[in-house]
Protein backbone atom coordinates (compact mmCIF):
# COMPACT_ATOMS: atom_id res chain seq x y z
CA MET A 1 0.00 0.00 0.00
CA LYS A 2 1.27 3.44 -0.86
CA GLU A 3 2.25 5.45 2.20
CA GLU A 4 0.08 8.52 2.53
CA LYS A 5 1.98 11.73 1.92
CA ARG A 6 0.63 14.28 4.34
CA ARG A 7 0.66 17.93 3.43
CA PRO A 8 2.40 20.18 5.99
CA VAL A 9 -0.24 22.11 7.92
CA SER A 10 1.60 25.37 7.21
CA VAL A 11 1.09 24.70 3.49
CA VAL A 12 -2.45 23.32 3.64
CA LEU A 13 -4.17 26.01 5.68
CA PRO A 14 -3.07 29.05 3.64
CA LEU A 15 -4.30 27.29 0.54
CA VAL A 16 -7.53 26.30 2.26
CA LEU A 17 -8.10 29.97 3.07
CA LEU A 18 -7.85 30.81 -0.60
CA VAL A 19 -10.12 27.87 -1.37
CA LEU A 20 -12.72 29.25 1.02
CA LEU A 21 -12.53 32.63 -0.69
CA VAL A 22 -13.20 30.92 -4.02
CA ALA A 23 -16.03 28.81 -2.64
CA THR A 24 -17.90 31.62 -0.91
CA ILE A 25 -18.16 34.13 -3.76
CA PRO A 26 -21.48 35.97 -3.24
CA LEU A 27 -24.27 35.54 -5.72
CA THR A 28 -26.04 38.81 -4.88
CA GLY A 29 -29.07 39.38 -7.09
CA GLN A 30 -28.47 36.23 -9.12
CA SER A 31 -30.11 32.83 -9.32
CA ASN A 32 -28.67 29.79 -7.56
CA GLN A 33 -28.38 28.35 -11.06
CA ARG A 34 -25.59 30.76 -11.97
CA ALA A 35 -22.99 28.78 -13.93
CA PHE A 36 -19.24 28.95 -14.32
CA ALA A 37 -17.06 27.74 -17.17
CA TRP A 38 -14.08 25.45 -16.69
CA PHE A 39 -11.57 24.29 -19.26
CA ALA A 40 -9.91 20.93 -19.87
CA GLU A 41 -8.59 18.60 -22.54
CA LEU A 42 -10.73 15.64 -23.57
CA VAL A 43 -9.23 12.24 -22.78
CA SER A 44 -12.10 9.81 -23.39
CA VAL A 45 -15.85 9.26 -23.31
CA ASP A 46 -17.53 6.20 -21.79
CA ARG A 47 -21.09 6.02 -23.11
CA GLY A 48 -21.91 2.91 -21.10
CA ALA A 49 -20.90 4.48 -17.81
CA GLY A 50 -22.18 7.94 -18.80
CA THR A 51 -18.89 9.61 -17.93
CA VAL A 52 -16.26 11.78 -19.55
CA THR A 53 -12.58 11.80 -18.64
CA VAL A 54 -10.62 15.04 -18.98
CA ARG A 55 -7.19 16.43 -18.22
CA ALA A 56 -6.60 19.86 -16.62
CA PRO A 57 -3.54 21.86 -15.56
CA PHE A 58 -2.78 22.61 -11.91
CA LEU A 59 -0.71 25.31 -10.22
CA PRO A 60 2.88 24.42 -9.20
CA HIS A 61 2.24 24.13 -5.44
CA VAL A 62 -0.27 21.27 -6.04
CA ALA A 63 2.67 19.07 -7.08
CA ARG A 64 3.85 19.06 -3.45
CA TYR A 65 1.03 16.76 -2.36
CA ILE A 66 -0.92 15.53 -5.40
CA ASP A 67 0.91 12.18 -5.42
CA SER A 68 -0.71 11.35 -2.07
CA PHE A 69 -3.90 10.55 -3.98
CA GLU A 70 -4.63 7.20 -5.64
CA PRO A 71 -6.49 6.47 -8.91
CA GLY A 72 -10.16 6.00 -8.10
CA ASP A 73 -10.14 8.45 -5.19
CA PRO A 74 -13.17 10.78 -5.12
CA ILE A 75 -11.69 14.28 -5.21
CA VAL A 76 -12.71 17.92 -5.30
CA ALA A 77 -10.81 20.17 -7.71
CA VAL A 78 -10.96 23.85 -6.74
CA TRP A 79 -10.16 26.27 -9.55
CA THR A 80 -8.66 29.69 -9.78
CA GLN A 81 -10.78 31.89 -12.03
CA LEU A 82 -10.86 35.02 -14.11
CA ASP A 83 -14.17 36.78 -14.80
CA GLY A 84 -16.21 33.66 -14.08
CA GLU A 85 -14.04 31.27 -16.10
CA ALA A 86 -12.01 28.60 -14.29
CA ASP A 87 -8.75 28.00 -16.10
CA VAL A 88 -6.39 26.11 -13.78
CA VAL A 89 -6.75 23.90 -10.70
CA LEU A 90 -5.81 25.76 -7.53
CA TYR A 91 -6.27 22.98 -4.97
CA VAL A 92 -7.21 19.29 -4.77
CA GLU A 93 -8.82 17.68 -1.74
CA ARG A 94 -10.51 14.41 -0.89
CA HIS A 95 -14.27 14.33 -1.23
CA GLU A 96 -14.89 13.26 2.37
CA ILE A 97 -12.85 16.20 3.68
CA MET A 98 -14.27 18.91 1.44
CA THR A 99 -18.03 18.49 1.06
CA THR A 100 -18.91 22.01 -0.08
CA THR A 101 -21.37 22.26 -2.97
CA GLY A 102 -20.70 25.85 -4.00
CA GLY A 103 -17.97 27.75 -5.77
CA TYR A 104 -15.54 27.14 -8.62
CA ILE A 105 -15.30 23.43 -7.81
CA VAL A 106 -15.58 20.13 -9.65
CA HIS A 107 -16.33 16.86 -7.86
CA ALA A 108 -14.65 14.02 -9.74
CA GLU A 109 -12.93 10.64 -9.61
CA LEU A 110 -9.16 10.75 -9.94
CA VAL A 111 -7.64 8.86 -12.86
CA GLY A 112 -4.02 9.96 -12.72
CA VAL A 113 -1.46 12.72 -12.30
CA ASP A 114 1.42 13.84 -14.53
CA LEU A 115 3.93 15.84 -12.50
CA ALA A 116 6.05 16.60 -15.57
CA THR A 117 3.23 18.44 -17.32
CA ARG A 118 1.47 19.51 -14.10
CA THR A 119 -1.83 18.02 -15.15
CA VAL A 120 -4.48 15.99 -13.33
CA THR A 121 -6.80 13.57 -15.13
CA PHE A 122 -10.23 12.86 -13.69
CA THR A 123 -13.67 11.51 -14.59
CA VAL A 124 -17.03 13.25 -14.19
CA PRO A 125 -20.59 12.17 -15.06
CA ALA A 126 -22.13 13.55 -18.25
CA GLY A 127 -25.68 13.51 -19.56
CA THR A 128 -26.87 12.27 -22.95
CA THR A 129 -26.70 15.67 -24.66
CA ILE A 130 -23.14 16.25 -23.48
CA MET A 131 -22.12 12.76 -24.60
CA GLN A 132 -23.55 13.39 -28.07
CA THR A 133 -21.56 16.61 -28.42
CA LEU A 134 -18.35 14.90 -27.33
CA ALA A 135 -18.90 11.86 -29.56
CA SER A 136 -17.31 13.59 -32.55
CA ALA A 137 -14.35 14.99 -30.62
CA ALA A 138 -10.92 13.38 -30.73
CA PRO A 139 -8.81 12.82 -27.60
CA GLY A 140 -6.78 15.93 -26.90
CA THR A 141 -9.52 18.32 -28.00
CA PRO A 142 -9.64 21.42 -25.77
CA ILE A 143 -13.13 21.85 -24.36
CA ARG A 144 -15.10 24.41 -22.37
CA LEU A 145 -17.60 22.97 -19.89
CA GLU A 146 -20.23 24.74 -17.81
CA SER A 147 -21.48 23.69 -14.38
CA PRO A 148 -23.79 25.33 -11.81
CA MET A 149 -22.10 27.50 -9.20
CA ARG A 150 -24.44 26.04 -6.58
CA GLN A 151 -25.47 22.40 -6.54
CA THR A 152 -27.76 20.38 -4.29
CA GLU A 153 -25.42 17.39 -4.13
CA THR A 154 -21.68 16.84 -4.16
CA VAL A 155 -21.82 15.74 -7.78
CA THR A 156 -20.77 18.09 -10.56
CA GLU A 157 -23.36 18.47 -13.29
CA ILE A 158 -22.20 19.48 -16.77
CA THR A 159 -24.85 21.66 -18.37
CA SER A 160 -23.07 22.46 -21.65
CA VAL A 161 -19.86 21.79 -23.53
CA THR A 162 -18.08 23.62 -26.34
CA LEU A 163 -15.41 21.97 -28.49
CA ASP A 164 -12.09 23.56 -29.47
CA ALA A 165 -12.36 26.20 -26.76
CA ARG A 166 -9.53 27.56 -24.63
CA PRO A 167 -9.51 30.00 -21.72
CA ARG A 168 -8.63 33.60 -22.35
CA PRO A 169 -5.02 34.54 -21.61
CA ARG A 170 -4.57 36.08 -18.21
CA PRO A 171 -3.47 39.71 -18.28
CA ALA A 172 0.07 40.52 -17.26
CA ALA A 173 0.51 41.65 -13.67
CA ASP A 174 0.19 45.37 -13.18
CA ALA A 175 3.57 47.04 -13.11
CA VAL A 176 4.45 49.97 -10.88
CA SER A 177 4.34 52.68 -13.53
CA GLN A 178 2.79 55.62 -11.69
CA ILE A 179 5.22 55.71 -8.76
CA LEU A 180 8.99 55.20 -9.18
CA ALA A 181 11.36 53.98 -6.50
CA ASP A 182 13.98 56.53 -5.44
CA PRO A 183 16.63 55.22 -3.00
CA ASN A 184 17.82 58.79 -2.43
CA ALA A 185 14.38 60.11 -1.53
CA ALA A 186 13.66 61.33 1.97
CA LEU A 187 12.32 58.65 4.28
CA ALA A 188 8.62 58.24 3.51
CA ASN A 189 6.17 58.72 6.37
CA VAL A 190 3.49 56.04 6.16
CA ALA A 191 2.16 56.14 9.72
CA GLY A 192 -1.61 56.05 9.91
CA GLY A 193 -4.49 54.10 8.45
CA TRP A 194 -4.20 52.38 5.04
CA LEU A 195 -6.39 50.26 2.80
CA PHE A 196 -4.37 47.68 0.84
CA GLU A 197 -6.20 46.06 -2.09
CA SER A 198 -4.98 43.19 -4.27
CA ASP A 199 -6.26 40.34 -6.40
CA LEU A 200 -4.88 36.92 -5.48
CA ALA A 201 -5.95 33.77 -7.33
CA GLY A 202 -8.88 35.65 -8.83
CA ASN A 203 -10.10 36.91 -5.46
CA THR A 204 -10.08 40.47 -4.13
CA ILE A 205 -8.18 40.83 -0.86
CA ALA A 206 -8.73 44.05 1.10
CA MET A 207 -6.75 44.70 4.28
CA ASN A 208 -7.42 47.71 6.53
CA CYS A 209 -4.21 48.43 8.44
CA MET A 210 -3.08 50.91 11.07
CA LEU A 211 0.67 51.51 10.68
CA THR A 212 3.04 52.84 13.32
CA GLN A 213 6.44 54.12 12.16
CA HIS A 214 9.53 54.64 14.31
CA GLU A 215 12.21 56.06 12.01
CA ALA A 216 12.64 53.29 9.39
CA GLU A 217 10.83 50.58 11.38
CA LEU A 218 7.19 49.68 10.74
CA SER A 219 4.67 47.86 12.87
CA GLY A 220 0.90 47.70 12.99
CA THR A 221 -2.31 45.69 12.95
CA CYS A 222 -4.65 44.80 10.10
CA GLU A 223 -8.23 43.62 9.70
CA GLY A 224 -10.04 42.14 6.73
CA GLY A 225 -8.30 38.79 6.43
CA PRO A 226 -9.91 35.37 7.01
CA GLY A 227 -9.05 35.30 10.71
CA PRO A 228 -8.75 37.71 13.64
CA ALA A 229 -6.70 40.93 13.58
CA SER A 230 -3.31 40.39 11.94
CA THR A 231 0.11 41.82 12.79
CA LEU A 232 2.24 43.86 10.42
CA THR A 233 6.02 44.31 10.52
CA GLY A 234 8.33 45.96 8.02
CA ALA A 235 10.68 48.77 7.14
CA VAL A 236 10.97 51.92 5.03
CA GLU A 237 13.95 52.79 2.83
CA GLY A 238 13.66 56.04 0.93
CA ASN A 239 10.24 55.90 -0.67
CA THR A 240 10.23 52.07 -0.74
CA VAL A 241 8.23 50.10 1.81
CA ARG A 242 8.46 46.38 2.55
CA PHE A 243 6.26 44.68 5.10
CA THR A 244 4.66 41.37 6.01
CA ILE A 245 1.14 40.81 7.30
CA ALA A 246 0.99 37.67 9.45
CA ALA A 247 -2.60 36.44 9.65
CA SER A 248 -3.55 33.54 11.89
CA PHE A 249 -6.08 30.79 11.30
CA GLY A 250 -6.31 28.37 14.20
CA ASP A 251 -2.74 27.34 14.99
CA ASN A 252 -1.47 28.18 11.50
CA ASP A 253 0.05 31.23 9.89
CA LEU A 254 -0.61 32.96 6.59
CA GLN A 255 2.17 35.33 5.47
CA LEU A 256 1.38 38.08 2.94
CA SER A 257 4.56 39.81 1.76
CA TYR A 258 4.27 43.34 0.36
CA SER A 259 6.83 45.44 -1.48
CA GLY A 260 5.69 48.90 -2.54
CA VAL A 261 6.65 52.44 -3.47
CA VAL A 262 5.09 55.48 -1.82
CA ALA A 263 3.98 58.53 -3.83
CA SER A 264 5.50 61.92 -3.01
CA THR A 265 2.17 62.96 -1.45
CA GLY A 266 2.44 60.10 1.05
CA ALA A 267 -1.18 59.17 0.35
CA ARG A 268 -0.74 56.39 -2.22
CA MET A 269 1.32 53.22 -2.51
CA GLU A 270 1.76 50.66 -5.31
CA GLY A 271 3.70 47.43 -5.58
CA ASP A 272 3.50 43.65 -5.40
CA VAL A 273 2.14 41.19 -2.87
CA SER A 274 2.74 37.44 -2.68
CA VAL A 275 1.51 34.54 -0.55
CA MET A 276 2.42 30.87 -0.97
CA GLY A 277 3.56 31.33 -4.55
CA PHE A 278 0.60 33.47 -5.61
CA GLY A 279 1.36 37.03 -6.56
CA SER A 280 -0.30 40.17 -7.87
CA GLY A 281 -0.03 43.92 -7.82
CA PHE A 282 -1.47 45.85 -4.92
CA LYS A 283 -2.57 49.42 -4.31
CA GLY A 284 -2.53 51.23 -1.01
CA THR A 285 -4.65 54.25 -0.15
CA LYS A 286 -4.16 56.28 2.99
CA GLN A 287 -7.39 56.66 4.96
């Protein structure tokens, strides 16, 4: 029997927090039948079993634990998304552990994993209409599938399929073009309240922070993360600011690392933020 490869808690929980953000996207003013699109490559169709097998890419960090699963395992694939379209698998969990029925998720049966190409192959049920559409498609055909955002059971329904369809390219990360770093600038004063906004894994993250500055040293507290108030530590050099927000979730830590440049007015900040391999631009506004 294959020894189970356990994911370090420090790796699992930060990713689970992002998963929860994906799975709890509000549906204000919309029907529970709102759908999302997800993309994969066709592997095979089994008319007798009423299933379709597909292959999808996953993000690099998934490779750290994906080989702990066995073929035949019921899994939940959680996707990162852009404008309602799921283009790459963000997280994989066992069905009995993650029983949510809402979000950018696909319940499936694992077929196999290819670490070299960072792809996961899995099987999902498909109705007669979907099977008829896929009957003419050759293995390897890129397909776009639609599933309800909210489902009554932990089984993913495919409501439509489009052949020869690929996800839209993701836009390049925003570069700091408005504010330029100046190592010879006077030490920026960033003490006070700030709102830091970013977009990580397709989800908006907004942190309200109160910064205290003692010469070049920064400290503070933030709210708006998935857990209780978070601590902030960092430093200022010229008009460049680097700091880390350490959020807690149970007994685990989530580290968000920021590197930004402060405008001459002292009221704006732009830069990059990263957490567990995810990264994006961020904007800071003094409150």
